[in-house]
Amino acid sequence: MRKLILTGFGTGYLPVAPGSWGSAAAVGVFLVAAWLTRANVYAIGAAMIVLAALSSAACLAWGKFAESAFGRKDPSQCTIDEWAGQAVALCFLPIRGISGVFIVAAAAFVAFRILDVLKPPPARGLEKLPAGWGILTDDLVAGAYANIACQLFLRVLLRW
């Protein structure tokens, strides 16, 4: 059960860029929340906070197990950290109607993936933290940066 959750319900086993698959799964949760709530920004934001909290809790609780089970620090198979970071990136972004949900989802996905790969300071340094903290915190920082970038892009540049 731990491996199933740590691998983001199997996304960590998918070929080529498992982190992107984990992020895409979190975007899927966002899209379902948007559909269920008729694109209510506050309800979607609350759902993303819950997703980030649950994913973070699993990562912190079982991070040491993940490193042991997969044989390396911050293993690529462990994608629950991408779920958490992507959820942070998607929190409370401005949405204009149900069609705007897809624009927001795409912008947040691209921004998070770029920032998760680049790991601007202090994200890269946080990987050195022990066990689950090292696996998780760089993704949370990348998610926060992606959220800020999307807020600026959508609200200022697009006047969304």
C-alpha atoms as a PDB file:
ATOM      1  CA  MET A   1       0.000   0.000   0.000  1.00  0.00           C
ATOM      2  CA  ARG A   2       2.856   2.411   0.822  1.00  0.00           C
ATOM      3  CA  LYS A   3       4.475   1.876  -2.575  1.00  0.00           C
ATOM      4  CA  LEU A   4       1.160   2.442  -4.341  1.00  0.00           C
ATOM      5  CA  ILE A   5       0.714   5.802  -2.613  1.00  0.00           C
ATOM      6  CA  LEU A   6       4.370   6.865  -2.852  1.00  0.00           C
ATOM      7  CA  THR A   7       4.391   6.148  -6.581  1.00  0.00           C
ATOM      8  CA  GLY A   8       1.400   8.448  -7.011  1.00  0.00           C
ATOM      9  CA  PHE A   9      -0.915   5.492  -7.598  1.00  0.00           C
ATOM     10  CA  GLY A  10       1.466   4.016 -10.149  1.00  0.00           C
ATOM     11  CA  THR A  11       2.479   7.177 -12.020  1.00  0.00           C
ATOM     12  CA  GLY A  12       6.041   6.683 -10.796  1.00  0.00           C
ATOM     13  CA  TYR A  13       6.270   3.452 -12.782  1.00  0.00           C
ATOM     14  CA  LEU A  14       5.247   5.028 -16.095  1.00  0.00           C
ATOM     15  CA  PRO A  15       8.014   5.302 -18.696  1.00  0.00           C
ATOM     16  CA  VAL A  16       9.756   8.558 -19.563  1.00  0.00           C
ATOM     17  CA  ALA A  17       9.486  11.439 -17.088  1.00  0.00           C
ATOM     18  CA  PRO A  18       7.531   9.864 -14.223  1.00  0.00           C
ATOM     19  CA  GLY A  19       7.475  13.241 -12.445  1.00  0.00           C
ATOM     20  CA  SER A  20       5.469  14.687 -15.313  1.00  0.00           C
ATOM     21  CA  TRP A  21       3.004  11.816 -15.054  1.00  0.00           C
ATOM     22  CA  GLY A  22       2.630  12.505 -11.327  1.00  0.00           C
ATOM     23  CA  SER A  23       2.015  16.184 -12.047  1.00  0.00           C
ATOM     24  CA  ALA A  24      -0.503  15.282 -14.760  1.00  0.00           C
ATOM     25  CA  ALA A  25      -2.404  13.103 -12.292  1.00  0.00           C
ATOM     26  CA  ALA A  26      -2.655  16.035  -9.866  1.00  0.00           C
ATOM     27  CA  VAL A  27      -3.916  18.203 -12.740  1.00  0.00           C
ATOM     28  CA  GLY A  28      -6.520  15.493 -13.335  1.00  0.00           C
ATOM     29  CA  VAL A  29      -7.698  15.878  -9.726  1.00  0.00           C
ATOM     30  CA  PHE A  30      -7.874  19.647 -10.332  1.00  0.00           C
ATOM     31  CA  LEU A  31     -10.005  19.141 -13.446  1.00  0.00           C
ATOM     32  CA  VAL A  32     -12.380  16.805 -11.624  1.00  0.00           C
ATOM     33  CA  ALA A  33     -12.689  19.310  -8.755  1.00  0.00           C
ATOM     34  CA  ALA A  34     -13.409  22.066 -11.280  1.00  0.00           C
ATOM     35  CA  TRP A  35     -16.084  19.986 -12.960  1.00  0.00           C
ATOM     36  CA  LEU A  36     -17.713  18.957  -9.654  1.00  0.00           C
ATOM     37  CA  THR A  37     -17.759  22.522  -8.323  1.00  0.00           C
ATOM     38  CA  ARG A  38     -18.652  24.252 -11.603  1.00  0.00           C
ATOM     39  CA  ALA A  39     -15.264  26.001 -11.569  1.00  0.00           C
ATOM     40  CA  ASN A  40     -15.660  27.531  -8.105  1.00  0.00           C
ATOM     41  CA  VAL A  41     -12.194  28.960  -7.396  1.00  0.00           C
ATOM     42  CA  TYR A  42     -12.538  28.645  -3.615  1.00  0.00           C
ATOM     43  CA  ALA A  43     -13.794  25.060  -3.661  1.00  0.00           C
ATOM     44  CA  ILE A  44     -11.068  24.045  -6.124  1.00  0.00           C
ATOM     45  CA  GLY A  45      -8.457  25.842  -4.008  1.00  0.00           C
ATOM     46  CA  ALA A  46      -9.646  23.989  -0.909  1.00  0.00           C
ATOM     47  CA  ALA A  47      -9.460  20.680  -2.796  1.00  0.00           C
ATOM     48  CA  MET A  48      -5.898  21.469  -3.888  1.00  0.00           C
ATOM     49  CA  ILE A  49      -4.893  22.310  -0.300  1.00  0.00           C
ATOM     50  CA  VAL A  50      -6.298  18.965   0.848  1.00  0.00           C
ATOM     51  CA  LEU A  51      -4.448  17.162  -1.973  1.00  0.00           C
ATOM     52  CA  ALA A  52      -1.192  18.943  -1.105  1.00  0.00           C
ATOM     53  CA  ALA A  53      -1.611  18.180   2.605  1.00  0.00           C
ATOM     54  CA  LEU A  54      -2.393  14.490   2.105  1.00  0.00           C
ATOM     55  CA  SER A  55       0.399  14.030  -0.433  1.00  0.00           C
ATOM     56  CA  SER A  56       2.862  15.845   1.813  1.00  0.00           C
ATOM     57  CA  ALA A  57       1.853  13.768   4.833  1.00  0.00           C
ATOM     58  CA  ALA A  58       2.409  10.525   2.917  1.00  0.00           C
ATOM     59  CA  CYS A  59       5.765  11.721   1.634  1.00  0.00           C
ATOM     60  CA  LEU A  60       6.948  12.754   5.084  1.00  0.00           C
ATOM     61  CA  ALA A  61       5.637   9.614   6.801  1.00  0.00           C
ATOM     62  CA  TRP A  62       7.133   7.195   4.282  1.00  0.00           C
ATOM     63  CA  GLY A  63      10.047   9.115   2.765  1.00  0.00           C
ATOM     64  CA  LYS A  64      12.681   6.986   4.470  1.00  0.00           C
ATOM     65  CA  PHE A  65      10.859   3.871   3.285  1.00  0.00           C
ATOM     66  CA  ALA A  66      10.812   5.244  -0.297  1.00  0.00           C
ATOM     67  CA  GLU A  67      14.567   5.815  -0.277  1.00  0.00           C
ATOM     68  CA  SER A  68      15.147   2.319   1.088  1.00  0.00           C
ATOM     69  CA  ALA A  69      12.657   0.580  -1.219  1.00  0.00           C
ATOM     70  CA  PHE A  70      13.895   2.277  -4.396  1.00  0.00           C
ATOM     71  CA  GLY A  71      17.570   2.420  -3.401  1.00  0.00           C
ATOM     72  CA  ARG A  72      18.332   6.130  -3.775  1.00  0.00           C
ATOM     73  CA  LYS A  73      17.676   9.577  -2.373  1.00  0.00           C
ATOM     74  CA  ASP A  74      14.593  11.251  -3.933  1.00  0.00           C
ATOM     75  CA  PRO A  75      13.807   8.268  -6.187  1.00  0.00           C
ATOM     76  CA  SER A  76      12.119   9.024  -9.501  1.00  0.00           C
ATOM     77  CA  GLN A  77       9.493   6.343  -8.819  1.00  0.00           C
ATOM     78  CA  CYS A  78       8.266   8.376  -5.833  1.00  0.00           C
ATOM     79  CA  THR A  79       5.912  10.879  -7.490  1.00  0.00           C
ATOM     80  CA  ILE A  80       3.641  11.740  -4.579  1.00  0.00           C
ATOM     81  CA  ASP A  81       5.888  14.782  -4.050  1.00  0.00           C
ATOM     82  CA  GLU A  82       4.965  15.972  -7.560  1.00  0.00           C
ATOM     83  CA  TRP A  83       1.307  15.599  -6.636  1.00  0.00           C
ATOM     84  CA  ALA A  84       1.906  17.905  -3.641  1.00  0.00           C
ATOM     85  CA  GLY A  85       3.925  20.478  -5.590  1.00  0.00           C
ATOM     86  CA  GLN A  86       1.506  20.551  -8.516  1.00  0.00           C
ATOM     87  CA  ALA A  87      -1.410  20.980  -6.113  1.00  0.00           C
ATOM     88  CA  VAL A  88       0.330  24.021  -4.589  1.00  0.00           C
ATOM     89  CA  ALA A  89       0.869  25.410  -8.097  1.00  0.00           C
ATOM     90  CA  LEU A  90      -2.878  25.090  -8.778  1.00  0.00           C
ATOM     91  CA  CYS A  91      -4.151  26.726  -5.554  1.00  0.00           C
ATOM     92  CA  PHE A  92      -6.524  29.655  -5.967  1.00  0.00           C
ATOM     93  CA  LEU A  93      -5.604  30.578  -9.525  1.00  0.00           C
ATOM     94  CA  PRO A  94      -8.143  32.829 -11.233  1.00  0.00           C
ATOM     95  CA  ILE A  95     -10.578  30.932 -13.432  1.00  0.00           C
ATOM     96  CA  ARG A  96     -13.005  32.421 -15.926  1.00  0.00           C
ATOM     97  CA  GLY A  97     -15.637  29.852 -16.637  1.00  0.00           C
ATOM     98  CA  ILE A  98     -15.300  26.163 -17.276  1.00  0.00           C
ATOM     99  CA  SER A  99     -13.313  26.720 -20.501  1.00  0.00           C
ATOM    100  CA  GLY A 100     -10.790  28.804 -18.540  1.00  0.00           C
ATOM    101  CA  VAL A 101     -10.094  25.800 -16.327  1.00  0.00           C
ATOM    102  CA  PHE A 102      -8.070  24.189 -19.119  1.00  0.00           C
ATOM    103  CA  ILE A 103      -5.973  27.317 -19.693  1.00  0.00           C
ATOM    104  CA  VAL A 104      -5.225  27.557 -15.969  1.00  0.00           C
ATOM    105  CA  ALA A 105      -4.425  23.836 -15.736  1.00  0.00           C
ATOM    106  CA  ALA A 106      -2.048  23.990 -18.706  1.00  0.00           C
ATOM    107  CA  ALA A 107      -0.290  27.129 -17.458  1.00  0.00           C
ATOM    108  CA  ALA A 108       0.212  25.677 -13.975  1.00  0.00           C
ATOM    109  CA  PHE A 109       1.388  22.323 -15.327  1.00  0.00           C
ATOM    110  CA  VAL A 110       4.002  23.892 -17.614  1.00  0.00           C
ATOM    111  CA  ALA A 111       5.182  26.376 -14.974  1.00  0.00           C
ATOM    112  CA  PHE A 112       5.520  23.695 -12.302  1.00  0.00           C
ATOM    113  CA  ARG A 113       7.346  21.214 -14.537  1.00  0.00           C
ATOM    114  CA  ILE A 114       9.847  23.880 -15.662  1.00  0.00           C
ATOM    115  CA  LEU A 115      10.477  25.087 -12.117  1.00  0.00           C
ATOM    116  CA  ASP A 116      10.629  21.546 -10.727  1.00  0.00           C
ATOM    117  CA  VAL A 117      13.351  20.661 -13.237  1.00  0.00           C
ATOM    118  CA  LEU A 118      15.302  23.933 -12.846  1.00  0.00           C
ATOM    119  CA  LYS A 119      14.962  23.954  -9.041  1.00  0.00           C
ATOM    120  CA  PRO A 120      15.736  27.645  -8.422  1.00  0.00           C
ATOM    121  CA  PRO A 121      17.103  28.507  -4.960  1.00  0.00           C
ATOM    122  CA  PRO A 122      16.367  27.399  -2.352  1.00  0.00           C
ATOM    123  CA  ALA A 123      14.702  24.345  -3.958  1.00  0.00           C
ATOM    124  CA  ARG A 124      17.883  22.494  -4.995  1.00  0.00           C
ATOM    125  CA  GLY A 125      19.451  22.918  -1.569  1.00  0.00           C
ATOM    126  CA  LEU A 126      16.345  21.544   0.148  1.00  0.00           C
ATOM    127  CA  GLU A 127      16.882  18.162  -1.529  1.00  0.00           C
ATOM    128  CA  LYS A 128      19.689  17.617   0.973  1.00  0.00           C
ATOM    129  CA  LEU A 129      17.238  17.450   3.867  1.00  0.00           C
ATOM    130  CA  PRO A 130      16.744  13.961   5.322  1.00  0.00           C
ATOM    131  CA  ALA A 131      14.276  11.387   3.977  1.00  0.00           C
ATOM    132  CA  GLY A 132      10.769  12.666   3.219  1.00  0.00           C
ATOM    133  CA  TRP A 133      11.709  16.297   3.811  1.00  0.00           C
ATOM    134  CA  GLY A 134      14.350  16.142   1.070  1.00  0.00           C
ATOM    135  CA  ILE A 135      11.962  14.415  -1.307  1.00  0.00           C
ATOM    136  CA  LEU A 136       9.104  16.840  -0.666  1.00  0.00           C
ATOM    137  CA  THR A 137      10.295  20.365   0.045  1.00  0.00           C
ATOM    138  CA  ASP A 138      11.926  21.112  -3.327  1.00  0.00           C
ATOM    139  CA  ASP A 139       8.595  20.307  -4.998  1.00  0.00           C
ATOM    140  CA  LEU A 140       6.630  22.498  -2.601  1.00  0.00           C
ATOM    141  CA  VAL A 141       8.978  25.409  -3.327  1.00  0.00           C
ATOM    142  CA  ALA A 142       8.698  24.808  -7.093  1.00  0.00           C
ATOM    143  CA  GLY A 143       4.914  24.687  -6.670  1.00  0.00           C
ATOM    144  CA  ALA A 144       4.893  27.992  -4.789  1.00  0.00           C
ATOM    145  CA  TYR A 145       7.076  29.607  -7.471  1.00  0.00           C
ATOM    146  CA  ALA A 146       4.806  28.211 -10.205  1.00  0.00           C
ATOM    147  CA  ASN A 147       1.737  29.546  -8.411  1.00  0.00           C
ATOM    148  CA  ILE A 148       3.256  33.028  -8.158  1.00  0.00           C
ATOM    149  CA  ALA A 149       4.276  32.931 -11.832  1.00  0.00           C
ATOM    150  CA  CYS A 150       0.775  31.841 -12.882  1.00  0.00           C
ATOM    151  CA  GLN A 151      -0.913  34.442 -10.679  1.00  0.00           C
ATOM    152  CA  LEU A 152       1.191  37.135 -12.358  1.00  0.00           C
ATOM    153  CA  PHE A 153       0.727  35.698 -15.843  1.00  0.00           C
ATOM    154  CA  LEU A 154      -3.033  35.262 -15.565  1.00  0.00           C
ATOM    155  CA  ARG A 155      -3.896  38.381 -13.557  1.00  0.00           C
ATOM    156  CA  VAL A 156      -1.379  40.902 -14.888  1.00  0.00           C
ATOM    157  CA  LEU A 157      -0.338  39.861 -18.386  1.00  0.00           C
ATOM    158  CA  LEU A 158      -3.645  38.354 -19.513  1.00  0.00           C
ATOM    159  CA  ARG A 159      -5.772  40.527 -17.187  1.00  0.00           C
ATOM    160  CA  TRP A 160      -7.695  37.335 -16.470  1.00  0.00           C
END
